């Protein structure tokens, strides 16, 4: 059995003359090569201990060629070596290559693509190994002056950090240019718009304007506090009716393309480990959900017969129905507010507003801060306090549970609706 050829050890090789051949004439003079007078005469060479072929580079003098080879060997031993091929990789090439390797859904892919385009407006002419902290600072300062929101600039910095960390692992650079010094600075001239929390009357009016097949999705949002993707991926078996508890297990994953292969709609893992926390559910909410299930005991909470993906409602389909219901509702929920760094407008109320109403009812009712944090499935109290501190610090109804609050709101809504129908008959 033939043995594999051993790779030469890391070492600097003696520079060689490319203008002359090794053979000599009868007078002892070296013969000229076909490259005589073309390019640089001396060629430095070194072995990196990985491949058989040596790395080479041309120089005008033998001393410079030898010094270069010695420097490259020293860089390898110090863990700071970048090959000539790696040094030619530009930021434009690497950023798009990195994006193609990410197994993400189409929405996230589009968001990354938009952010990478902004990054390359400032770094496209640089090789990967040339990017340093001043370049990242110029990027972040430019985005700040252009008027991009603080949260959006933070996302861009985090994305660039991931890209450069991957480049470092691929030995395209030896430094990490993204640090706390280059982090996004707050844009105090642009106030952050608070998340909209509908009133109880607005919620029940919205609930009755939504199509019947989405009523259970709304109930899961306001009664259990599930996010949109968690609602679409929720299984009936996740709800323990006897114990009145719910544990999210999966969330909806839209179809996407990974490595050229299309992956259809499916259920995937939750966003964080904390998102899978088992939480208690109010008994009235449990009865409400059971009533909306209409005898179903297995499968998905929300079914959609008109779906092209085997009975699954997509995120876009549910958002469109929310948009239509809020538009019909009108008033403050339908008020358009700026959203995103490009100044796009959207309605104040969306599906995630149901989760804010859920948290507000918890914070304003007979629940402690620790219980609110647990039921919201937040990792720590900070997130809860940042969003709901105005309710926690305010006047609270310590006797009202979330089920009592929803039931009272429904009763008031029905009274108002009935009163409007009989006006003028008495």
Protein backbone atom coordinates (compact mmCIF):
# COMPACT_ATOMS: atom_id res chain seq x y z
CA UNK A 1 0.00 0.00 0.00
CA UNK A 2 1.46 3.34 -1.07
CA UNK A 3 2.11 5.80 1.73
CA UNK A 4 0.78 9.35 1.55
CA UNK A 5 3.35 11.98 0.76
CA UNK A 6 4.18 13.95 3.89
CA UNK A 7 3.50 17.69 3.89
CA UNK A 8 6.70 19.72 4.39
CA UNK A 9 7.08 21.37 7.79
CA UNK A 10 6.61 25.09 8.32
CA UNK A 11 9.81 26.71 7.07
CA UNK A 12 11.22 29.52 4.97
CA UNK A 13 12.88 28.36 1.79
CA UNK A 14 15.89 29.89 0.15
CA UNK A 15 14.96 32.59 -2.42
CA UNK A 16 15.64 31.68 -6.04
CA UNK A 17 16.54 33.61 -9.16
CA UNK A 18 13.83 33.48 -11.82
CA UNK A 19 15.93 35.17 -14.51
CA UNK A 20 18.53 32.42 -14.74
CA UNK A 21 18.53 28.66 -15.08
CA UNK A 22 20.49 26.30 -12.92
CA UNK A 23 22.53 25.05 -15.85
CA UNK A 24 25.78 26.86 -16.75
CA UNK A 25 27.60 27.32 -20.03
CA UNK A 26 31.13 26.18 -20.82
CA UNK A 27 32.53 29.33 -19.19
CA UNK A 28 30.68 28.66 -15.92
CA UNK A 29 28.09 31.39 -16.38
CA UNK A 30 24.42 30.67 -15.59
CA UNK A 31 22.15 30.53 -18.60
CA UNK A 32 19.33 33.03 -19.01
CA UNK A 33 15.78 31.75 -18.64
CA UNK A 34 12.76 32.61 -20.80
CA UNK A 35 11.68 35.01 -18.01
CA UNK A 36 14.87 37.05 -18.14
CA UNK A 37 14.12 40.75 -17.75
CA UNK A 38 10.42 40.09 -17.07
CA UNK A 39 8.89 40.94 -13.71
CA UNK A 40 10.86 40.78 -10.49
CA UNK A 41 14.02 38.75 -10.43
CA UNK A 42 13.95 37.09 -7.00
CA UNK A 43 11.19 34.89 -5.63
CA UNK A 44 10.66 34.28 -1.93
CA UNK A 45 9.04 31.02 -0.84
CA UNK A 46 7.80 29.37 2.36
CA UNK A 47 5.89 26.24 3.42
CA UNK A 48 2.83 26.67 5.65
CA UNK A 49 2.73 23.08 6.91
CA UNK A 50 -0.70 22.49 5.32
CA UNK A 51 -0.19 22.09 1.60
CA UNK A 52 2.63 20.62 -0.46
CA UNK A 53 3.08 23.58 -2.82
CA UNK A 54 5.04 26.51 -1.44
CA UNK A 55 3.68 30.07 -1.21
CA UNK A 56 5.77 32.46 -3.32
CA UNK A 57 6.09 36.16 -4.03
CA UNK A 58 8.37 38.20 -6.32
CA UNK A 59 10.97 40.75 -5.13
CA UNK A 60 13.75 42.85 -6.61
CA UNK A 61 16.45 41.60 -4.24
CA UNK A 62 17.25 38.26 -2.65
CA UNK A 63 17.42 39.89 0.78
CA UNK A 64 13.84 41.22 0.54
CA UNK A 65 12.59 37.84 -0.66
CA UNK A 66 14.25 36.03 2.22
CA UNK A 67 12.97 38.56 4.77
CA UNK A 68 9.41 38.16 3.48
CA UNK A 69 9.55 34.36 3.79
CA UNK A 70 10.90 34.64 7.34
CA UNK A 71 8.11 37.09 8.29
CA UNK A 72 5.43 34.75 6.96
CA UNK A 73 6.80 31.83 8.95
CA UNK A 74 6.91 33.98 12.08
CA UNK A 75 3.28 35.00 11.49
CA UNK A 76 2.23 31.35 11.17
CA UNK A 77 3.89 30.47 14.47
CA UNK A 78 2.27 33.50 16.14
CA UNK A 79 -1.18 32.60 14.79
CA UNK A 80 -1.39 35.76 12.66
CA UNK A 81 -0.80 34.39 9.21
CA UNK A 82 -2.93 35.25 6.17
CA UNK A 83 -2.19 33.60 2.85
CA UNK A 84 -1.85 35.58 -0.35
CA UNK A 85 -5.09 34.09 -1.69
CA UNK A 86 -6.96 34.98 1.51
CA UNK A 87 -5.66 38.53 1.40
CA UNK A 88 -7.33 39.03 -1.99
CA UNK A 89 -10.86 38.28 -0.68
CA UNK A 90 -12.86 41.51 -0.69
CA UNK A 91 -15.65 42.42 1.72
CA UNK A 92 -18.23 42.37 -1.08
CA UNK A 93 -17.35 38.79 -2.01
CA UNK A 94 -17.19 37.56 1.59
CA UNK A 95 -20.43 39.20 2.82
CA UNK A 96 -22.55 37.63 0.07
CA UNK A 97 -20.80 34.28 0.46
CA UNK A 98 -21.51 34.37 4.21
CA UNK A 99 -25.19 35.18 3.59
CA UNK A 100 -25.59 32.27 1.15
CA UNK A 101 -24.38 29.88 3.87
CA UNK A 102 -27.04 30.94 6.41
CA UNK A 103 -30.00 28.59 6.98
CA UNK A 104 -32.62 31.26 7.61
CA UNK A 105 -36.19 31.96 6.53
CA UNK A 106 -36.91 34.30 3.57
CA UNK A 107 -37.93 37.21 5.81
CA UNK A 108 -34.69 37.10 7.79
CA UNK A 109 -32.72 36.61 4.56
CA UNK A 110 -34.24 39.78 3.11
CA UNK A 111 -33.47 41.74 6.26
CA UNK A 112 -29.83 40.58 6.24
CA UNK A 113 -29.52 41.44 2.56
CA UNK A 114 -30.72 45.01 3.18
CA UNK A 115 -28.29 45.46 6.06
CA UNK A 116 -25.36 44.02 4.08
CA UNK A 117 -26.05 46.51 1.27
CA UNK A 118 -25.68 49.34 3.80
CA UNK A 119 -22.48 47.82 5.19
CA UNK A 120 -20.95 47.52 1.72
CA UNK A 121 -21.66 51.19 0.97
CA UNK A 122 -18.78 51.91 3.35
CA UNK A 123 -16.62 48.75 3.24
CA UNK A 124 -16.96 47.40 -0.32
CA UNK A 125 -13.51 48.58 -1.49
CA UNK A 126 -11.67 46.93 1.39
CA UNK A 127 -10.24 43.44 1.58
CA UNK A 128 -11.49 41.47 4.57
CA UNK A 129 -8.12 41.56 6.34
CA UNK A 130 -7.91 45.35 5.91
CA UNK A 131 -11.06 46.18 7.93
CA UNK A 132 -10.18 47.88 11.22
CA UNK A 133 -12.03 49.73 13.99
CA UNK A 134 -11.86 53.14 12.22
CA UNK A 135 -13.68 51.66 9.22
CA UNK A 136 -16.47 50.30 11.43
CA UNK A 137 -16.68 53.63 13.27
CA UNK A 138 -17.05 55.41 9.93
CA UNK A 139 -19.89 53.01 9.03
CA UNK A 140 -21.77 53.51 12.30
CA UNK A 141 -21.27 57.28 12.29
CA UNK A 142 -22.48 57.50 8.70
CA UNK A 143 -25.64 55.55 9.49
CA UNK A 144 -26.22 57.74 12.55
CA UNK A 145 -25.94 60.96 10.56
CA UNK A 146 -28.19 59.57 7.84
CA UNK A 147 -30.95 59.15 10.43
CA UNK A 148 -31.16 55.40 10.93
CA UNK A 149 -32.76 54.40 14.23
CA UNK A 150 -30.60 53.22 17.12
CA UNK A 151 -32.10 49.70 17.18
CA UNK A 152 -31.48 49.30 13.45
CA UNK A 153 -27.85 50.41 13.81
CA UNK A 154 -27.41 47.95 16.67
CA UNK A 155 -28.68 45.15 14.42
CA UNK A 156 -26.22 46.18 11.68
CA UNK A 157 -23.32 46.17 14.16
CA UNK A 158 -24.32 42.72 15.43
CA UNK A 159 -24.57 41.41 11.86
CA UNK A 160 -21.14 42.81 10.93
CA UNK A 161 -19.72 41.24 14.10
CA UNK A 162 -21.01 37.83 13.02
CA UNK A 163 -19.62 38.29 9.50
CA UNK A 164 -16.17 39.30 10.75
CA UNK A 165 -16.12 36.53 13.37
CA UNK A 166 -16.78 34.01 10.59
CA UNK A 167 -14.00 35.63 8.52
CA UNK A 168 -11.60 35.24 11.41
CA UNK A 169 -12.47 31.57 11.77
CA UNK A 170 -11.90 31.17 8.03
CA UNK A 171 -8.46 32.82 8.47
CA UNK A 172 -9.34 35.73 6.18
CA UNK A 173 -8.41 38.20 8.92
CA UNK A 174 -6.54 38.07 12.19
CA UNK A 175 -8.31 40.94 13.97
CA UNK A 176 -11.86 41.61 15.12
CA UNK A 177 -12.69 45.21 14.14
CA UNK A 178 -16.08 45.23 15.91
CA UNK A 179 -15.89 46.04 19.61
CA UNK A 180 -17.63 48.02 22.34
CA UNK A 181 -15.82 51.09 21.03
CA UNK A 182 -17.52 50.78 17.64
CA UNK A 183 -20.99 49.98 19.03
CA UNK A 184 -23.95 52.06 17.89
CA UNK A 185 -24.54 55.31 19.79
CA UNK A 186 -28.12 56.27 20.75
CA UNK A 187 -29.90 58.67 18.42
CA UNK A 188 -31.59 60.96 20.91
CA UNK A 189 -33.11 63.18 18.22
CA UNK A 190 -35.42 60.38 17.11
CA UNK A 191 -37.80 59.28 19.90
CA UNK A 192 -38.75 55.64 20.04
CA UNK A 193 -42.42 54.94 19.42
CA UNK A 194 -43.96 52.94 22.27
CA UNK A 195 -45.68 49.66 21.48
CA UNK A 196 -49.44 50.06 21.17
CA UNK A 197 -51.65 48.38 23.78
CA UNK A 198 -55.36 48.36 22.82
CA UNK A 199 -58.10 49.03 25.33
CA UNK A 200 -60.50 46.26 26.29
CA UNK A 201 -63.30 47.70 24.15
CA UNK A 202 -60.93 48.02 21.16
CA UNK A 203 -59.79 44.43 21.63
CA UNK A 204 -63.28 42.90 21.68
CA UNK A 205 -64.36 44.99 18.69
CA UNK A 206 -61.24 43.79 16.87
CA UNK A 207 -61.94 40.17 17.89
CA UNK A 208 -65.41 40.21 16.36
CA UNK A 209 -64.10 41.83 13.16
CA UNK A 210 -61.54 39.04 12.62
CA UNK A 211 -62.58 36.02 10.47
CA UNK A 212 -63.98 33.13 12.50
CA UNK A 213 -61.10 30.76 11.67
CA UNK A 214 -58.65 33.22 13.29
CA UNK A 215 -60.58 33.73 16.55
CA UNK A 216 -58.56 31.05 18.32
CA UNK A 217 -55.32 32.72 17.18
CA UNK A 218 -56.48 35.97 18.77
CA UNK A 219 -57.46 34.11 21.94
CA UNK A 220 -53.99 32.54 22.19
CA UNK A 221 -52.40 35.95 21.71
CA UNK A 222 -54.37 37.78 24.40
CA UNK A 223 -55.08 34.88 26.79
CA UNK A 224 -51.73 33.06 26.74
CA UNK A 225 -49.42 35.77 25.37
CA UNK A 226 -48.12 33.80 22.40
CA UNK A 227 -46.23 35.49 19.59
CA UNK A 228 -47.45 35.23 16.00
CA UNK A 229 -45.09 32.42 14.96
CA UNK A 230 -45.82 30.55 18.22
CA UNK A 231 -49.56 30.77 17.56
CA UNK A 232 -49.21 29.34 14.05
CA UNK A 233 -47.05 26.49 15.36
CA UNK A 234 -49.12 25.79 18.51
CA UNK A 235 -50.41 22.24 19.05
CA UNK A 236 -53.61 21.45 20.93
CA UNK A 237 -51.68 18.84 22.92
CA UNK A 238 -49.50 21.63 24.38
CA UNK A 239 -52.50 22.77 26.45
CA UNK A 240 -53.18 20.77 29.62
CA UNK A 241 -56.88 21.39 30.14
CA UNK A 242 -57.11 19.67 33.54
CA UNK A 243 -54.06 21.43 35.04
CA UNK A 244 -54.76 24.75 33.19
CA UNK A 245 -51.17 25.03 31.95
CA UNK A 246 -49.55 25.59 28.56
CA UNK A 247 -46.03 24.81 27.37
CA UNK A 248 -44.99 26.10 23.90
CA UNK A 249 -42.98 23.48 22.02
CA UNK A 250 -42.67 24.61 18.39
CA UNK A 251 -43.16 27.68 16.26
CA UNK A 252 -44.05 28.19 12.61
CA UNK A 253 -41.19 28.22 10.12
CA UNK A 254 -41.98 29.48 6.59
CA UNK A 255 -40.62 27.82 3.49
CA UNK A 256 -37.11 28.82 2.51
CA UNK A 257 -34.20 27.79 0.32
CA UNK A 258 -31.03 26.38 1.90
CA UNK A 259 -27.98 25.48 -0.22
CA UNK A 260 -30.19 25.58 -3.31
CA UNK A 261 -32.70 23.12 -1.81
CA UNK A 262 -36.23 24.25 -0.97
CA UNK A 263 -37.49 23.47 2.54
CA UNK A 264 -41.27 23.58 2.86
CA UNK A 265 -43.28 25.10 5.68
CA UNK A 266 -42.65 23.24 8.94
CA UNK A 267 -42.49 23.56 12.71
CA UNK A 268 -39.14 24.47 14.20
CA UNK A 269 -37.65 25.11 17.64
CA UNK A 270 -38.60 28.16 19.66
CA UNK A 271 -36.54 31.33 19.48
CA UNK A 272 -35.06 30.97 22.98
CA UNK A 273 -35.01 28.38 25.75
CA UNK A 274 -37.07 30.69 27.97
CA UNK A 275 -39.83 30.75 25.35
CA UNK A 276 -40.59 27.11 26.17
CA UNK A 277 -41.41 27.79 29.83
CA UNK A 278 -44.57 26.09 31.13
CA UNK A 279 -47.00 28.77 32.24
CA UNK A 280 -50.38 28.69 34.03
CA UNK A 281 -53.44 29.68 32.02
CA UNK A 282 -56.51 31.31 33.53
CA UNK A 283 -59.40 28.77 33.82
CA UNK A 284 -61.77 31.10 31.96
CA UNK A 285 -59.27 31.37 29.10
CA UNK A 286 -58.96 27.56 29.01
CA UNK A 287 -62.76 27.22 28.72
CA UNK A 288 -62.73 29.91 26.01
CA UNK A 289 -60.08 28.02 24.01
CA UNK A 290 -61.92 24.70 24.41
CA UNK A 291 -65.11 26.32 23.14
CA UNK A 292 -63.30 27.76 20.10
CA UNK A 293 -61.79 24.33 19.32
CA UNK A 294 -65.31 22.95 18.76
CA UNK A 295 -64.49 19.41 19.85
CA UNK A 296 -61.03 19.13 18.28
CA UNK A 297 -58.48 17.47 20.60
CA UNK A 298 -55.41 17.02 18.36
CA UNK A 299 -53.57 18.88 15.65
CA UNK A 300 -52.94 22.59 15.28
CA UNK A 301 -54.94 25.21 17.11
CA UNK A 302 -55.44 27.21 13.93
CA UNK A 303 -56.46 25.50 10.70
CA UNK A 304 -56.93 27.09 7.31
CA UNK A 305 -58.74 25.19 4.59
CA UNK A 306 -57.80 27.72 1.90
CA UNK A 307 -54.06 27.24 2.47
CA UNK A 308 -51.78 25.95 -0.28
CA UNK A 309 -49.45 24.39 2.30
CA UNK A 310 -51.58 21.57 3.65
CA UNK A 311 -53.97 23.40 5.95
CA UNK A 312 -51.40 25.79 7.48
CA UNK A 313 -52.03 29.52 7.68
CA UNK A 314 -48.94 31.58 6.89
CA UNK A 315 -47.67 34.60 8.79
CA UNK A 316 -48.51 36.85 5.87
CA UNK A 317 -52.08 35.53 5.67
CA UNK A 318 -52.71 36.17 9.37
CA UNK A 319 -51.10 39.62 9.24
CA UNK A 320 -53.30 40.56 6.28
CA UNK A 321 -56.41 39.63 8.24
CA UNK A 322 -55.24 41.62 11.23
CA UNK A 323 -54.58 44.61 8.97
CA UNK A 324 -58.07 44.39 7.44
CA UNK A 325 -59.77 44.10 10.84
CA UNK A 326 -57.82 47.03 12.32
CA UNK A 327 -58.58 49.14 9.24
CA UNK A 328 -62.28 48.41 9.66
CA UNK A 329 -62.05 49.17 13.39
CA UNK A 330 -60.44 52.58 12.75
CA UNK A 331 -59.58 55.04 15.50
CA UNK A 332 -56.28 54.93 17.38
CA UNK A 333 -55.49 51.28 16.51
CA UNK A 334 -55.55 52.11 12.77
CA UNK A 335 -53.48 55.28 13.16
CA UNK A 336 -50.37 55.15 10.95
CA UNK A 337 -47.02 55.64 12.66
CA UNK A 338 -43.45 55.60 11.22
CA UNK A 339 -41.76 52.25 11.41
CA UNK A 340 -38.23 51.30 10.46
CA UNK A 341 -35.25 53.46 9.48
CA UNK A 342 -36.63 54.24 6.05
CA UNK A 343 -39.73 55.96 7.44
CA UNK A 344 -42.29 53.36 6.34
CA UNK A 345 -45.72 53.72 7.91
CA UNK A 346 -47.79 51.02 9.58
CA UNK A 347 -50.83 50.75 11.80
CA UNK A 348 -50.29 51.16 15.53
CA UNK A 349 -52.03 47.90 16.32
CA UNK A 350 -50.72 44.59 15.05
CA UNK A 351 -50.90 40.98 16.21
CA UNK A 352 -48.08 41.55 18.71
CA UNK A 353 -50.27 44.20 20.37
CA UNK A 354 -52.29 41.28 21.79
CA UNK A 355 -49.21 40.14 23.71
CA UNK A 356 -48.80 43.67 25.06
CA UNK A 357 -52.44 43.63 26.19
CA UNK A 358 -51.82 40.26 27.84
CA UNK A 359 -48.82 41.65 29.74
CA UNK A 360 -50.71 44.79 30.67
CA UNK A 361 -53.61 42.80 32.10
CA UNK A 362 -51.16 40.75 34.13
CA UNK A 363 -49.28 43.79 35.40
CA UNK A 364 -52.51 45.64 36.22
CA UNK A 365 -54.17 42.66 37.93
CA UNK A 366 -53.68 40.21 40.76
CA UNK A 367 -50.17 39.11 39.77
CA UNK A 368 -46.74 39.87 41.22
CA UNK A 369 -43.87 41.14 39.09
CA UNK A 370 -42.17 37.74 39.28
CA UNK A 371 -45.38 36.04 38.10
CA UNK A 372 -45.76 38.55 35.24
CA UNK A 373 -42.18 37.86 34.12
CA UNK A 374 -42.74 34.10 34.24
CA UNK A 375 -46.03 34.20 32.34
CA UNK A 376 -44.55 36.56 29.72
CA UNK A 377 -41.64 34.08 29.41
CA UNK A 378 -39.09 36.86 29.71
CA UNK A 379 -35.55 35.87 30.64
CA UNK A 380 -35.34 38.49 33.39
CA UNK A 381 -37.37 41.25 35.05
CA UNK A 382 -35.63 43.99 33.08
CA UNK A 383 -37.62 43.41 29.90
CA UNK A 384 -40.86 43.30 31.86
CA UNK A 385 -40.10 46.52 33.71
CA UNK A 386 -38.96 48.36 30.58
CA UNK A 387 -42.26 47.68 28.79
CA UNK A 388 -44.85 47.53 31.58
CA UNK A 389 -43.37 49.66 34.36
CA UNK A 390 -46.07 52.34 33.93
CA UNK A 391 -48.68 49.75 34.89
CA UNK A 392 -46.67 48.04 37.62
CA UNK A 393 -45.98 51.36 39.34
CA UNK A 394 -49.51 52.65 38.87
CA UNK A 395 -52.81 51.87 40.53
CA UNK A 396 -53.57 48.15 40.30
CA UNK A 397 -56.68 46.07 40.62
CA UNK A 398 -55.28 43.40 42.96
CA UNK A 399 -58.46 41.33 42.87
CA UNK A 400 -58.87 40.95 39.10
CA UNK A 401 -57.40 38.03 37.17
CA UNK A 402 -56.86 38.06 33.42
CA UNK A 403 -59.95 35.90 32.95
CA UNK A 404 -62.09 38.29 34.99
CA UNK A 405 -60.76 41.27 33.04
CA UNK A 406 -61.51 39.66 29.66
CA UNK A 407 -64.94 38.47 30.79
CA UNK A 408 -65.87 41.93 32.09
CA UNK A 409 -64.65 43.52 28.87
CA UNK A 410 -66.73 41.11 26.79
CA UNK A 411 -69.81 41.88 28.88
CA UNK A 412 -69.30 45.63 28.43
CA UNK A 413 -68.80 45.18 24.69
CA UNK A 414 -72.03 43.19 24.37
CA UNK A 415 -73.95 45.77 26.38
CA UNK A 416 -72.70 48.57 24.15
CA UNK A 417 -73.46 46.58 20.99
CA UNK A 418 -76.95 45.72 22.20
CA UNK A 419 -77.61 49.30 23.20
CA UNK A 420 -76.66 50.54 19.75
CA UNK A 421 -79.08 48.13 18.10
CA UNK A 422 -82.15 49.12 20.17
CA UNK A 423 -81.66 52.87 20.09
CA UNK A 424 -84.91 54.55 18.94
CA UNK A 425 -87.12 51.51 19.63
CA UNK A 426 -88.10 52.46 23.19
